[in-house]
N, C-alpha and C. Protein backbone atom coordinates (compact mmCIF):
# COMPACT_ATOMS: atom_id res chain seq x y z
N UNK A 1 -0.45 27.70 -0.56
CA UNK A 1 0.30 26.91 0.38
C UNK A 1 -0.61 26.09 1.28
N UNK A 2 -1.88 26.37 1.29
CA UNK A 2 -2.81 25.66 2.13
C UNK A 2 -2.94 24.19 1.73
N UNK A 3 -2.57 23.85 0.49
CA UNK A 3 -2.67 22.47 0.02
C UNK A 3 -1.70 21.55 0.73
N UNK A 4 -0.62 22.07 1.30
CA UNK A 4 0.42 21.23 1.86
C UNK A 4 0.35 21.10 3.37
N UNK A 5 -0.73 21.54 4.00
CA UNK A 5 -0.83 21.44 5.45
C UNK A 5 -1.27 20.04 5.86
N UNK A 6 -0.96 19.68 7.09
CA UNK A 6 -1.31 18.36 7.63
C UNK A 6 -2.82 18.19 7.66
N UNK A 7 -3.55 19.21 8.04
CA UNK A 7 -5.00 19.09 8.14
C UNK A 7 -5.62 18.80 6.78
N UNK A 8 -5.04 19.35 5.71
CA UNK A 8 -5.55 19.06 4.37
C UNK A 8 -5.27 17.61 4.00
N UNK A 9 -4.10 17.12 4.34
CA UNK A 9 -3.77 15.72 4.03
C UNK A 9 -4.64 14.76 4.81
N UNK A 10 -4.97 15.10 6.06
CA UNK A 10 -5.81 14.23 6.86
C UNK A 10 -7.22 14.15 6.30
N UNK A 11 -7.68 15.20 5.67
CA UNK A 11 -9.03 15.16 5.10
C UNK A 11 -9.09 14.26 3.87
N UNK A 12 -7.94 13.97 3.24
CA UNK A 12 -7.91 13.09 2.08
C UNK A 12 -7.88 11.62 2.46
N UNK A 13 -7.44 11.33 3.67
CA UNK A 13 -7.34 9.94 4.10
C UNK A 13 -8.72 9.35 4.35
N UNK A 14 -8.88 8.04 4.13
CA UNK A 14 -10.18 7.42 4.39
C UNK A 14 -10.50 7.47 5.88
N UNK A 15 -11.76 7.63 6.19
CA UNK A 15 -12.20 7.68 7.58
C UNK A 15 -12.08 6.29 8.20
N UNK A 16 -11.74 6.26 9.48
CA UNK A 16 -11.58 4.98 10.17
C UNK A 16 -12.75 4.70 11.11
N UNK A 17 -13.89 5.33 10.87
CA UNK A 17 -15.07 5.07 11.69
C UNK A 17 -15.53 3.64 11.46
N UNK A 18 -16.48 3.22 12.26
CA UNK A 18 -17.01 1.87 12.10
C UNK A 18 -17.67 1.75 10.75
N UNK A 19 -17.48 0.60 10.08
CA UNK A 19 -18.08 0.44 8.75
C UNK A 19 -19.60 0.38 8.82
N UNK A 20 -20.22 0.79 7.74
CA UNK A 20 -21.66 0.77 7.63
C UNK A 20 -22.13 -0.67 7.45
N UNK A 21 -22.97 -1.21 8.35
CA UNK A 21 -23.41 -2.60 8.21
C UNK A 21 -24.29 -2.83 6.99
N UNK A 22 -24.89 -1.77 6.44
CA UNK A 22 -25.75 -1.90 5.27
C UNK A 22 -24.96 -1.95 3.98
N UNK A 23 -23.68 -1.66 4.05
CA UNK A 23 -22.84 -1.64 2.86
C UNK A 23 -22.51 -3.05 2.43
N UNK A 24 -22.70 -3.33 1.14
CA UNK A 24 -22.41 -4.67 0.62
C UNK A 24 -20.98 -4.80 0.14
N UNK A 25 -20.25 -3.67 0.07
CA UNK A 25 -18.89 -3.70 -0.41
C UNK A 25 -17.93 -4.06 0.72
N UNK A 26 -16.79 -4.62 0.36
CA UNK A 26 -15.76 -4.95 1.32
C UNK A 26 -15.10 -3.66 1.79
N UNK A 27 -15.18 -3.38 3.09
CA UNK A 27 -14.69 -2.12 3.63
C UNK A 27 -13.17 -1.99 3.55
N UNK A 28 -12.46 -3.10 3.56
CA UNK A 28 -11.00 -3.02 3.53
C UNK A 28 -10.47 -2.77 2.12
N UNK A 29 -11.27 -2.97 1.10
CA UNK A 29 -10.81 -2.86 -0.28
C UNK A 29 -11.17 -1.52 -0.91
N UNK A 30 -12.38 -1.10 -0.77
CA UNK A 30 -12.88 0.07 -1.48
C UNK A 30 -12.25 1.39 -1.07
N UNK A 31 -12.15 1.73 0.21
CA UNK A 31 -11.62 3.06 0.55
C UNK A 31 -10.19 3.28 0.06
N UNK A 32 -9.34 2.27 0.11
CA UNK A 32 -7.97 2.46 -0.32
C UNK A 32 -7.90 2.68 -1.83
N UNK A 33 -8.65 1.92 -2.58
CA UNK A 33 -8.64 2.10 -4.03
C UNK A 33 -9.24 3.46 -4.40
N UNK A 34 -10.27 3.88 -3.68
CA UNK A 34 -10.83 5.21 -3.93
C UNK A 34 -9.82 6.29 -3.59
N UNK A 35 -9.07 6.10 -2.52
CA UNK A 35 -8.04 7.06 -2.14
C UNK A 35 -6.97 7.16 -3.22
N UNK A 36 -6.56 6.02 -3.75
CA UNK A 36 -5.53 6.01 -4.79
C UNK A 36 -6.05 6.71 -6.05
N UNK A 37 -7.28 6.39 -6.45
CA UNK A 37 -7.87 7.03 -7.63
C UNK A 37 -7.96 8.55 -7.45
N UNK A 38 -8.41 8.96 -6.27
CA UNK A 38 -8.55 10.38 -5.99
C UNK A 38 -7.18 11.06 -6.01
N UNK A 39 -6.18 10.40 -5.44
CA UNK A 39 -4.83 10.97 -5.43
C UNK A 39 -4.28 11.13 -6.84
N UNK A 40 -4.48 10.13 -7.68
CA UNK A 40 -4.00 10.21 -9.05
C UNK A 40 -4.72 11.31 -9.81
N UNK A 41 -6.02 11.46 -9.58
CA UNK A 41 -6.77 12.52 -10.24
C UNK A 41 -6.26 13.90 -9.80
N UNK A 42 -5.97 14.04 -8.51
CA UNK A 42 -5.46 15.33 -8.01
C UNK A 42 -4.08 15.64 -8.58
N UNK A 43 -3.24 14.63 -8.69
CA UNK A 43 -1.91 14.84 -9.27
C UNK A 43 -2.06 15.25 -10.73
N UNK A 44 -2.95 14.58 -11.44
CA UNK A 44 -3.18 14.93 -12.84
C UNK A 44 -3.67 16.37 -12.96
N UNK A 45 -4.59 16.77 -12.09
CA UNK A 45 -5.09 18.15 -12.11
C UNK A 45 -3.95 19.15 -11.87
N UNK A 46 -3.09 18.85 -10.89
CA UNK A 46 -1.98 19.76 -10.60
C UNK A 46 -1.00 19.83 -11.77
N UNK A 47 -0.78 18.71 -12.45
CA UNK A 47 0.11 18.72 -13.60
C UNK A 47 -0.50 19.51 -14.76
N UNK A 48 -1.81 19.38 -14.94
CA UNK A 48 -2.48 20.16 -15.99
C UNK A 48 -2.44 21.66 -15.67
N UNK A 49 -2.61 22.00 -14.39
CA UNK A 49 -2.52 23.40 -13.98
C UNK A 49 -1.12 23.95 -14.23
N UNK A 50 -0.11 23.14 -13.95
CA UNK A 50 1.27 23.57 -14.18
C UNK A 50 1.52 23.76 -15.68
N UNK A 51 1.02 22.84 -16.50
CA UNK A 51 1.17 22.99 -17.95
C UNK A 51 0.49 24.26 -18.46
N UNK A 52 -0.70 24.53 -17.93
CA UNK A 52 -1.42 25.74 -18.33
C UNK A 52 -0.67 26.99 -17.89
N UNK A 53 -0.10 26.95 -16.67
CA UNK A 53 0.66 28.10 -16.19
C UNK A 53 1.90 28.33 -17.06
N UNK A 54 2.55 27.25 -17.47
CA UNK A 54 3.72 27.38 -18.35
C UNK A 54 3.31 27.95 -19.70
N UNK A 55 2.21 27.44 -20.26
CA UNK A 55 1.73 27.96 -21.55
C UNK A 55 1.38 29.44 -21.45
N UNK A 56 0.73 29.83 -20.35
CA UNK A 56 0.36 31.24 -20.17
C UNK A 56 1.60 32.12 -20.04
N UNK A 57 2.63 31.61 -19.37
CA UNK A 57 3.85 32.38 -19.23
C UNK A 57 4.57 32.53 -20.57
N UNK A 58 4.62 31.46 -21.33
CA UNK A 58 5.32 31.48 -22.62
C UNK A 58 4.60 32.37 -23.63
N UNK A 59 3.28 32.32 -23.63
CA UNK A 59 2.52 33.10 -24.60
C UNK A 59 2.32 34.55 -24.17
N UNK A 60 2.68 34.88 -22.92
CA UNK A 60 2.58 36.25 -22.46
C UNK A 60 1.26 36.59 -21.79
N UNK A 61 0.37 35.60 -21.64
CA UNK A 61 -0.90 35.87 -20.96
C UNK A 61 -0.69 36.17 -19.48
N UNK A 62 0.34 35.57 -18.91
CA UNK A 62 0.64 35.76 -17.50
C UNK A 62 2.12 36.13 -17.39
N UNK A 63 2.41 37.18 -16.67
CA UNK A 63 3.80 37.64 -16.50
C UNK A 63 4.39 37.21 -15.16
N UNK A 64 3.62 36.53 -14.32
CA UNK A 64 4.06 36.18 -12.98
C UNK A 64 4.78 34.83 -12.99
N UNK A 65 6.10 34.88 -13.01
CA UNK A 65 6.89 33.65 -13.05
C UNK A 65 6.83 32.91 -11.71
N UNK A 66 6.58 33.63 -10.63
CA UNK A 66 6.52 33.00 -9.31
C UNK A 66 5.36 32.03 -9.21
N UNK A 67 4.18 32.43 -9.68
CA UNK A 67 3.03 31.54 -9.65
C UNK A 67 3.24 30.33 -10.55
N UNK A 68 3.92 30.54 -11.65
CA UNK A 68 4.23 29.43 -12.55
C UNK A 68 5.16 28.43 -11.87
N UNK A 69 6.19 28.94 -11.23
CA UNK A 69 7.14 28.06 -10.53
C UNK A 69 6.47 27.33 -9.37
N UNK A 70 5.58 28.00 -8.66
CA UNK A 70 4.87 27.36 -7.55
C UNK A 70 3.97 26.25 -8.08
N UNK A 71 3.27 26.51 -9.18
CA UNK A 71 2.42 25.48 -9.78
C UNK A 71 3.24 24.28 -10.23
N UNK A 72 4.41 24.54 -10.81
CA UNK A 72 5.28 23.45 -11.23
C UNK A 72 5.79 22.64 -10.03
N UNK A 73 6.14 23.34 -8.96
CA UNK A 73 6.66 22.65 -7.77
C UNK A 73 5.56 21.82 -7.10
N UNK A 74 4.34 22.34 -7.04
CA UNK A 74 3.22 21.57 -6.48
C UNK A 74 2.99 20.30 -7.28
N UNK A 75 3.04 20.41 -8.59
CA UNK A 75 2.85 19.24 -9.44
C UNK A 75 3.97 18.23 -9.22
N UNK A 76 5.20 18.71 -9.10
CA UNK A 76 6.34 17.83 -8.89
C UNK A 76 6.25 17.10 -7.56
N UNK A 77 5.93 17.83 -6.49
CA UNK A 77 5.83 17.22 -5.17
C UNK A 77 4.68 16.20 -5.13
N UNK A 78 3.56 16.53 -5.74
CA UNK A 78 2.43 15.60 -5.79
C UNK A 78 2.79 14.33 -6.55
N UNK A 79 3.48 14.49 -7.65
CA UNK A 79 3.89 13.33 -8.45
C UNK A 79 4.88 12.47 -7.68
N UNK A 80 5.83 13.08 -7.00
CA UNK A 80 6.80 12.33 -6.21
C UNK A 80 6.11 11.55 -5.09
N UNK A 81 5.10 12.15 -4.46
CA UNK A 81 4.36 11.48 -3.40
C UNK A 81 3.65 10.24 -3.95
N UNK A 82 2.99 10.37 -5.07
CA UNK A 82 2.30 9.23 -5.67
C UNK A 82 3.30 8.15 -6.07
N UNK A 83 4.45 8.54 -6.58
CA UNK A 83 5.46 7.55 -6.95
C UNK A 83 5.99 6.81 -5.72
N UNK A 84 6.17 7.50 -4.62
CA UNK A 84 6.63 6.84 -3.40
C UNK A 84 5.57 5.89 -2.85
N UNK A 85 4.31 6.28 -2.95
CA UNK A 85 3.23 5.38 -2.52
C UNK A 85 3.22 4.14 -3.40
N UNK A 86 3.40 4.33 -4.71
CA UNK A 86 3.45 3.18 -5.62
C UNK A 86 4.62 2.27 -5.28
N UNK A 87 5.78 2.84 -4.99
CA UNK A 87 6.94 2.04 -4.64
C UNK A 87 6.72 1.25 -3.36
N UNK A 88 6.07 1.86 -2.38
CA UNK A 88 5.78 1.16 -1.13
C UNK A 88 4.79 0.03 -1.35
N UNK A 89 3.80 0.25 -2.20
CA UNK A 89 2.82 -0.81 -2.49
C UNK A 89 3.51 -1.98 -3.19
N UNK A 90 4.36 -1.69 -4.14
CA UNK A 90 5.08 -2.76 -4.85
C UNK A 90 6.00 -3.49 -3.89
N UNK A 91 6.67 -2.77 -3.02
CA UNK A 91 7.55 -3.40 -2.05
C UNK A 91 6.77 -4.31 -1.09
N UNK A 92 5.62 -3.84 -0.63
CA UNK A 92 4.79 -4.66 0.25
C UNK A 92 4.29 -5.90 -0.47
N UNK A 93 3.90 -5.76 -1.73
CA UNK A 93 3.44 -6.90 -2.52
C UNK A 93 4.56 -7.92 -2.68
N UNK A 94 5.77 -7.46 -2.99
CA UNK A 94 6.90 -8.37 -3.15
C UNK A 94 7.22 -9.09 -1.85
N UNK A 95 7.11 -8.38 -0.73
CA UNK A 95 7.38 -9.01 0.56
C UNK A 95 6.33 -10.07 0.88
N UNK A 96 5.09 -9.78 0.60
CA UNK A 96 4.02 -10.77 0.83
C UNK A 96 4.21 -11.97 -0.08
N UNK A 97 4.60 -11.72 -1.32
CA UNK A 97 4.80 -12.81 -2.26
C UNK A 97 5.93 -13.74 -1.85
N UNK A 98 6.95 -13.21 -1.18
CA UNK A 98 8.08 -14.02 -0.76
C UNK A 98 7.80 -14.82 0.51
N UNK A 99 6.72 -14.53 1.19
CA UNK A 99 6.40 -15.24 2.43
C UNK A 99 6.10 -16.71 2.13
N UNK A 100 6.56 -17.57 3.02
CA UNK A 100 6.23 -18.98 2.89
C UNK A 100 4.98 -19.29 3.70
N UNK A 101 4.22 -20.19 3.17
CA UNK A 101 2.94 -20.55 3.82
C UNK A 101 3.11 -21.78 4.67
């Protein structure tokens, strides 16, 4: 359950400290894309863990249905979060595209 606390989510967000002047990369572009990549990788890991837990339950390696259900629910919630972020990004893009110059 520690994965769903606010403090854990805050550690995943990009830091808002002053940008490094020695960095040649655009500070407004890189952290967000890295955050998205990291989020997708974490969701994929949770989905793989849920698949493994289901396989273990079906084959009899693991008899604990509660841990299997928790793993499935974590994967589902993580996937829903990423889908909502994607929907918000698409909505923001559409709104920007409709703006007149």
